[in-house]
Amino acid sequence: MTLSALSPIPYLSILAGALKMHFYDFLLYGVLMRTIRFAVVAYLFFIILM
């Protein structure tokens, strides 16, 4: 699940439903990991432009 959160796969919610994840696990692996991914991409983008 962490791999799918860090990669640009749009089917995270379908995968979570198929794996019968709990909502809090989905928040941890889905939302938090995706937020970390966006932060890293934004930071690298900022570094490249400067």
PDB file of N, CA and C in Angstrom:
ATOM      1  N   MET A   1       0.827  -1.185   0.000  1.00  0.00           N
ATOM      2  CA  MET A   1       0.000   0.000   0.000  1.00  0.00           C
ATOM      3  C   MET A   1       0.871   1.248   0.000  1.00  0.00           C
ATOM      4  N   THR A   2       1.978   1.226   0.709  1.00  0.00           N
ATOM      5  CA  THR A   2       2.861   2.381   0.728  1.00  0.00           C
ATOM      6  C   THR A   2       3.416   2.653  -0.661  1.00  0.00           C
ATOM      7  N   LEU A   3       3.755   1.617  -1.393  1.00  0.00           N
ATOM      8  CA  LEU A   3       4.266   1.779  -2.747  1.00  0.00           C
ATOM      9  C   LEU A   3       3.219   2.425  -3.651  1.00  0.00           C
ATOM     10  N   SER A   4       1.986   2.027  -3.518  1.00  0.00           N
ATOM     11  CA  SER A   4       0.953   2.635  -4.354  1.00  0.00           C
ATOM     12  C   SER A   4       0.665   4.074  -3.940  1.00  0.00           C
ATOM     13  N   ALA A   5       0.892   4.404  -2.680  1.00  0.00           N
ATOM     14  CA  ALA A   5       0.699   5.786  -2.238  1.00  0.00           C
ATOM     15  C   ALA A   5       1.819   6.684  -2.734  1.00  0.00           C
ATOM     16  N   LEU A   6       3.012   6.138  -2.851  1.00  0.00           N
ATOM     17  CA  LEU A   6       4.137   6.942  -3.302  1.00  0.00           C
ATOM     18  C   LEU A   6       4.230   7.020  -4.820  1.00  0.00           C
ATOM     19  N   SER A   7       3.591   6.119  -5.512  1.00  0.00           N
ATOM     20  CA  SER A   7       3.587   6.167  -6.972  1.00  0.00           C
ATOM     21  C   SER A   7       2.288   6.829  -7.443  1.00  0.00           C
ATOM     22  N   PRO A   8       2.259   7.301  -8.675  1.00  0.00           N
ATOM     23  CA  PRO A   8       1.046   8.011  -9.144  1.00  0.00           C
ATOM     24  C   PRO A   8      -0.057   7.072  -9.626  1.00  0.00           C
ATOM     25  N   ILE A   9      -0.394   6.079  -8.859  1.00  0.00           N
ATOM     26  CA  ILE A   9      -1.467   5.150  -9.213  1.00  0.00           C
ATOM     27  C   ILE A   9      -2.785   5.705  -8.678  1.00  0.00           C
ATOM     28  N   PRO A  10      -3.785   5.929  -9.534  1.00  0.00           N
ATOM     29  CA  PRO A  10      -5.023   6.560  -9.061  1.00  0.00           C
ATOM     30  C   PRO A  10      -6.024   5.602  -8.419  1.00  0.00           C
ATOM     31  N   TYR A  11      -5.697   4.334  -8.304  1.00  0.00           N
ATOM     32  CA  TYR A  11      -6.665   3.347  -7.829  1.00  0.00           C
ATOM     33  C   TYR A  11      -6.449   2.970  -6.372  1.00  0.00           C
ATOM     34  N   LEU A  12      -5.973   3.893  -5.581  1.00  0.00           N
ATOM     35  CA  LEU A  12      -5.661   3.613  -4.176  1.00  0.00           C
ATOM     36  C   LEU A  12      -6.903   3.224  -3.387  1.00  0.00           C
ATOM     37  N   SER A  13      -7.993   3.926  -3.596  1.00  0.00           N
ATOM     38  CA  SER A  13      -9.202   3.614  -2.814  1.00  0.00           C
ATOM     39  C   SER A  13      -9.780   2.257  -3.212  1.00  0.00           C
ATOM     40  N   ILE A  14      -9.695   1.899  -4.478  1.00  0.00           N
ATOM     41  CA  ILE A  14     -10.177   0.580  -4.912  1.00  0.00           C
ATOM     42  C   ILE A  14      -9.315  -0.520  -4.300  1.00  0.00           C
ATOM     43  N   LEU A  15      -8.008  -0.303  -4.301  1.00  0.00           N
ATOM     44  CA  LEU A  15      -7.089  -1.274  -3.709  1.00  0.00           C
ATOM     45  C   LEU A  15      -7.340  -1.407  -2.206  1.00  0.00           C
ATOM     46  N   ALA A  16      -7.563  -0.294  -1.540  1.00  0.00           N
ATOM     47  CA  ALA A  16      -7.839  -0.339  -0.106  1.00  0.00           C
ATOM     48  C   ALA A  16      -9.132  -1.094   0.174  1.00  0.00           C
ATOM     49  N   GLY A  17     -10.136  -0.915  -0.664  1.00  0.00           N
ATOM     50  CA  GLY A  17     -11.389  -1.644  -0.486  1.00  0.00           C
ATOM     51  C   GLY A  17     -11.220  -3.126  -0.754  1.00  0.00           C
ATOM     52  N   ALA A  18     -10.405  -3.462  -1.753  1.00  0.00           N
ATOM     53  CA  ALA A  18     -10.177  -4.873  -2.071  1.00  0.00           C
ATOM     54  C   ALA A  18      -9.390  -5.562  -0.965  1.00  0.00           C
ATOM     55  N   LEU A  19      -8.510  -4.837  -0.307  1.00  0.00           N
ATOM     56  CA  LEU A  19      -7.720  -5.408   0.788  1.00  0.00           C
ATOM     57  C   LEU A  19      -8.433  -5.323   2.127  1.00  0.00           C
ATOM     58  N   LYS A  20      -9.626  -4.728   2.127  1.00  0.00           N
ATOM     59  CA  LYS A  20     -10.439  -4.560   3.339  1.00  0.00           C
ATOM     60  C   LYS A  20      -9.652  -3.856   4.447  1.00  0.00           C
ATOM     61  N   MET A  21      -9.040  -2.746   4.071  1.00  0.00           N
ATOM     62  CA  MET A  21      -8.268  -1.958   5.039  1.00  0.00           C
ATOM     63  C   MET A  21      -9.207  -1.208   5.966  1.00  0.00           C
ATOM     64  N   HIS A  22      -8.753  -0.972   7.149  1.00  0.00           N
ATOM     65  CA  HIS A  22      -9.469  -0.121   8.081  1.00  0.00           C
ATOM     66  C   HIS A  22      -9.260   1.327   7.654  1.00  0.00           C
ATOM     67  N   PHE A  23     -10.179   2.180   8.061  1.00  0.00           N
ATOM     68  CA  PHE A  23     -10.128   3.577   7.628  1.00  0.00           C
ATOM     69  C   PHE A  23      -8.859   4.260   8.117  1.00  0.00           C
ATOM     70  N   TYR A  24      -8.432   3.988   9.341  1.00  0.00           N
ATOM     71  CA  TYR A  24      -7.244   4.647   9.887  1.00  0.00           C
ATOM     72  C   TYR A  24      -5.975   4.172   9.184  1.00  0.00           C
ATOM     73  N   ASP A  25      -5.930   2.916   8.788  1.00  0.00           N
ATOM     74  CA  ASP A  25      -4.795   2.432   7.996  1.00  0.00           C
ATOM     75  C   ASP A  25      -4.777   3.108   6.631  1.00  0.00           C
ATOM     76  N   PHE A  26      -5.953   3.292   6.051  1.00  0.00           N
ATOM     77  CA  PHE A  26      -6.039   3.982   4.776  1.00  0.00           C
ATOM     78  C   PHE A  26      -5.541   5.415   4.904  1.00  0.00           C
ATOM     79  N   LEU A  27      -5.911   6.088   5.986  1.00  0.00           N
ATOM     80  CA  LEU A  27      -5.425   7.456   6.191  1.00  0.00           C
ATOM     81  C   LEU A  27      -3.914   7.480   6.342  1.00  0.00           C
ATOM     82  N   LEU A  28      -3.382   6.535   7.093  1.00  0.00           N
ATOM     83  CA  LEU A  28      -1.940   6.500   7.310  1.00  0.00           C
ATOM     84  C   LEU A  28      -1.196   6.236   6.016  1.00  0.00           C
ATOM     85  N   TYR A  29      -1.550   5.181   5.331  1.00  0.00           N
ATOM     86  CA  TYR A  29      -0.813   4.788   4.137  1.00  0.00           C
ATOM     87  C   TYR A  29      -1.218   5.579   2.898  1.00  0.00           C
ATOM     88  N   GLY A  30      -2.435   6.009   2.840  1.00  0.00           N
ATOM     89  CA  GLY A  30      -2.895   6.728   1.661  1.00  0.00           C
ATOM     90  C   GLY A  30      -2.608   8.212   1.721  1.00  0.00           C
ATOM     91  N   VAL A  31      -3.205   8.881   2.658  1.00  0.00           N
ATOM     92  CA  VAL A  31      -3.126  10.333   2.714  1.00  0.00           C
ATOM     93  C   VAL A  31      -1.761  10.805   3.203  1.00  0.00           C
ATOM     94  N   LEU A  32      -1.251  10.226   4.262  1.00  0.00           N
ATOM     95  CA  LEU A  32       0.020  10.673   4.816  1.00  0.00           C
ATOM     96  C   LEU A  32       1.181  10.402   3.861  1.00  0.00           C
ATOM     97  N   MET A  33       1.235   9.235   3.294  1.00  0.00           N
ATOM     98  CA  MET A  33       2.322   8.916   2.371  1.00  0.00           C
ATOM     99  C   MET A  33       2.229   9.752   1.095  1.00  0.00           C
ATOM    100  N   ARG A  34       1.019  10.007   0.640  1.00  0.00           N
ATOM    101  CA  ARG A  34       0.867  10.835  -0.560  1.00  0.00           C
ATOM    102  C   ARG A  34       1.265  12.278  -0.259  1.00  0.00           C
ATOM    103  N   THR A  35       0.981  12.759   0.942  1.00  0.00           N
ATOM    104  CA  THR A  35       1.415  14.091   1.340  1.00  0.00           C
ATOM    105  C   THR A  35       2.933  14.176   1.372  1.00  0.00           C
ATOM    106  N   ILE A  36       3.573  13.141   1.883  1.00  0.00           N
ATOM    107  CA  ILE A  36       5.036  13.104   1.902  1.00  0.00           C
ATOM    108  C   ILE A  36       5.575  13.110   0.479  1.00  0.00           C
ATOM    109  N   ARG A  37       4.955  12.367  -0.414  1.00  0.00           N
ATOM    110  CA  ARG A  37       5.409  12.329  -1.807  1.00  0.00           C
ATOM    111  C   ARG A  37       5.298  13.704  -2.447  1.00  0.00           C
ATOM    112  N   PHE A  38       4.171  14.385  -2.256  1.00  0.00           N
ATOM    113  CA  PHE A  38       4.005  15.711  -2.831  1.00  0.00           C
ATOM    114  C   PHE A  38       5.014  16.695  -2.247  1.00  0.00           C
ATOM    115  N   ALA A  39       5.307  16.581  -0.956  1.00  0.00           N
ATOM    116  CA  ALA A  39       6.280  17.469  -0.328  1.00  0.00           C
ATOM    117  C   ALA A  39       7.676  17.246  -0.899  1.00  0.00           C
ATOM    118  N   VAL A  40       8.051  15.993  -1.114  1.00  0.00           N
ATOM    119  CA  VAL A  40       9.370  15.688  -1.679  1.00  0.00           C
ATOM    120  C   VAL A  40       9.473  16.201  -3.109  1.00  0.00           C
ATOM    121  N   VAL A  41       8.438  15.991  -3.902  1.00  0.00           N
ATOM    122  CA  VAL A  41       8.446  16.478  -5.285  1.00  0.00           C
ATOM    123  C   VAL A  41       8.513  18.000  -5.312  1.00  0.00           C
ATOM    124  N   ALA A  42       7.762  18.668  -4.466  1.00  0.00           N
ATOM    125  CA  ALA A  42       7.790  20.127  -4.415  1.00  0.00           C
ATOM    126  C   ALA A  42       9.162  20.629  -3.974  1.00  0.00           C
ATOM    127  N   TYR A  43       9.770  19.964  -3.004  1.00  0.00           N
ATOM    128  CA  TYR A  43      11.097  20.358  -2.536  1.00  0.00           C
ATOM    129  C   TYR A  43      12.131  20.180  -3.640  1.00  0.00           C
ATOM    130  N   LEU A  44      12.103  19.055  -4.337  1.00  0.00           N
ATOM    131  CA  LEU A  44      13.042  18.831  -5.433  1.00  0.00           C
ATOM    132  C   LEU A  44      12.821  19.827  -6.563  1.00  0.00           C
ATOM    133  N   PHE A  45      11.583  20.141  -6.861  1.00  0.00           N
ATOM    134  CA  PHE A  45      11.264  21.138  -7.877  1.00  0.00           C
ATOM    135  C   PHE A  45      11.826  22.495  -7.471  1.00  0.00           C
ATOM    136  N   PHE A  46      11.691  22.844  -6.202  1.00  0.00           N
ATOM    137  CA  PHE A  46      12.211  24.104  -5.685  1.00  0.00           C
ATOM    138  C   PHE A  46      13.740  24.149  -5.778  1.00  0.00           C
ATOM    139  N   ILE A  47      14.400  23.054  -5.447  1.00  0.00           N
ATOM    140  CA  ILE A  47      15.864  22.969  -5.500  1.00  0.00           C
ATOM    141  C   ILE A  47      16.339  23.109  -6.948  1.00  0.00           C
ATOM    142  N   ILE A  48      15.640  22.458  -7.879  1.00  0.00           N
ATOM    143  CA  ILE A  48      16.062  22.514  -9.283  1.00  0.00           C
ATOM    144  C   ILE A  48      15.915  23.936  -9.832  1.00  0.00           C
ATOM    145  N   LEU A  49      14.866  24.640  -9.449  1.00  0.00           N
ATOM    146  CA  LEU A  49      14.655  25.993  -9.959  1.00  0.00           C
ATOM    147  C   LEU A  49      15.601  27.017  -9.341  1.00  0.00           C
ATOM    148  N   MET A  50      16.100  26.745  -8.180  1.00  0.00           N
ATOM    149  CA  MET A  50      17.013  27.704  -7.534  1.00  0.00           C
ATOM    150  C   MET A  50      18.398  27.436  -7.927  1.00  0.00           C
TER     151      MET A  50
END
